[in-house]
Protein backbone atom coordinates (compact mmCIF):
# COMPACT_ATOMS: atom_id res chain seq x y z
CA UNK A 1 0.10 0.19 0.26
CA UNK A 2 0.93 3.51 -1.39
CA UNK A 3 -0.17 6.73 -1.34
CA UNK A 4 -0.45 7.73 -5.35
CA UNK A 5 2.73 9.80 -5.46
CA UNK A 6 4.16 6.01 -5.72
CA UNK A 7 2.55 4.38 -8.33
CA UNK A 8 4.27 5.36 -11.30
CA UNK A 9 7.08 3.91 -9.29
CA UNK A 10 6.36 0.75 -7.80
CA UNK A 11 4.89 -0.46 -11.81
CA UNK A 12 8.44 0.70 -13.11
CA UNK A 13 9.49 -1.62 -10.30
CA UNK A 14 7.27 -4.57 -10.89
CA UNK A 15 8.57 -4.33 -14.25
CA UNK A 16 12.09 -4.22 -13.28
CA UNK A 17 11.82 -8.07 -10.72
CA UNK A 18 9.08 -9.35 -13.60
CA UNK A 19 7.28 -9.76 -11.11
CA UNK A 20 3.44 -7.01 -9.81
CA UNK A 21 2.34 -8.58 -6.51
CA UNK A 22 -1.39 -6.44 -5.13
CA UNK A 23 -0.90 -3.07 -5.38
CA UNK A 24 -3.27 -0.78 -2.99
CA UNK A 25 -2.64 3.24 -3.93
CA UNK A 26 -4.62 5.73 -1.30
CA UNK A 27 -5.02 9.67 -1.73
CA UNK A 28 -1.61 11.57 -1.28
CA UNK A 29 -0.06 13.17 1.01
CA UNK A 30 -0.14 11.05 3.91
CA UNK A 31 2.34 13.19 6.34
CA UNK A 32 0.17 16.23 6.74
CA UNK A 33 -2.83 14.66 7.90
CA UNK A 34 -5.23 14.58 10.70
CA UNK A 35 -6.11 11.73 12.29
CA UNK A 36 -9.60 11.70 11.51
CA UNK A 37 -8.76 12.09 7.97
CA UNK A 38 -6.20 9.07 7.98
CA UNK A 39 -8.76 6.91 9.81
CA UNK A 40 -11.29 8.17 6.61
CA UNK A 41 -8.37 6.68 4.12
CA UNK A 42 -8.08 3.30 6.35
CA UNK A 43 -11.66 2.54 6.29
CA UNK A 44 -12.15 3.36 2.89
CA UNK A 45 -9.88 1.40 1.66
CA UNK A 46 -10.55 -1.22 4.61
CA UNK A 47 -12.82 -3.11 2.60
CA UNK A 48 -10.52 -3.75 -0.38
CA UNK A 49 -7.10 -5.20 1.98
CA UNK A 50 -9.45 -7.45 3.11
CA UNK A 51 -10.38 -8.76 -0.12
CA UNK A 52 -6.55 -8.90 -0.95
CA UNK A 53 -5.86 -11.17 2.30
CA UNK A 54 -8.56 -13.21 1.72
CA UNK A 55 -7.34 -13.72 -1.70
CA UNK A 56 -3.82 -14.51 -1.11
């Protein structure tokens, strides 16, 4: 999991390694968000995280 700012870097890394693991990208930036904002982001992606883990 990373912010959308790192989406291209993750794609390039996957290409160079020949392996593309499951990826989940959230809003950017994170570091200057309030606790409530981070909590909202986490709550929004939680179903995707659970789904990814249950499919593994």
